[in-house]
């Protein structure tokens, strides 16, 4: 069974972000932001891609898996049910379905991590994307920058985690 990692950069700097990815053995970052820009230094597409490349991590932008503006607006307004409905509907588009299939194939071949802003994966659409990847037999592992070697949430279950030579192994 393949894994898909998820990681939000909220509250972190780019060095902490990259370090967390390296500890988990991630080889590809799949950016699922609709608009890959950030006011947070180092997290806009071009700069982030360069930082990742310097660490030996590939960057890919999956714009079709980004949350549409109406979904982002609903999320910002705290309308979680509306946000979920909008994004789930968006995932049924041909473009999103093709991107999801491509992401599934990628994550089976190499350790891949979904990137978005929110620290809490349950506040972010990346969890919906990762859940959809479950239909391809892919298991979600949520990483956290502030405690990368302590807590990894796998499919909503808290587990202790140890990182050994760049590979994540859960007990």
Foldseek 3Di string as FASTA:
>chain_A
DFAEEEAAQAPHALVLVLVLQQLAQAAEEEEQALQQDDPHPQRRDPSVQVVCVVVNHHYHYLNLNHQDPVLVVCLVVVVVVVNVVRNVVSCPDPSNVVSLVVVLVVRVVGHYYYYDHDRDVVSDCVVVSNVVSVVVVYWYWYAGSVCRQAWIQTPNRTFGWHGDNRHIDTD
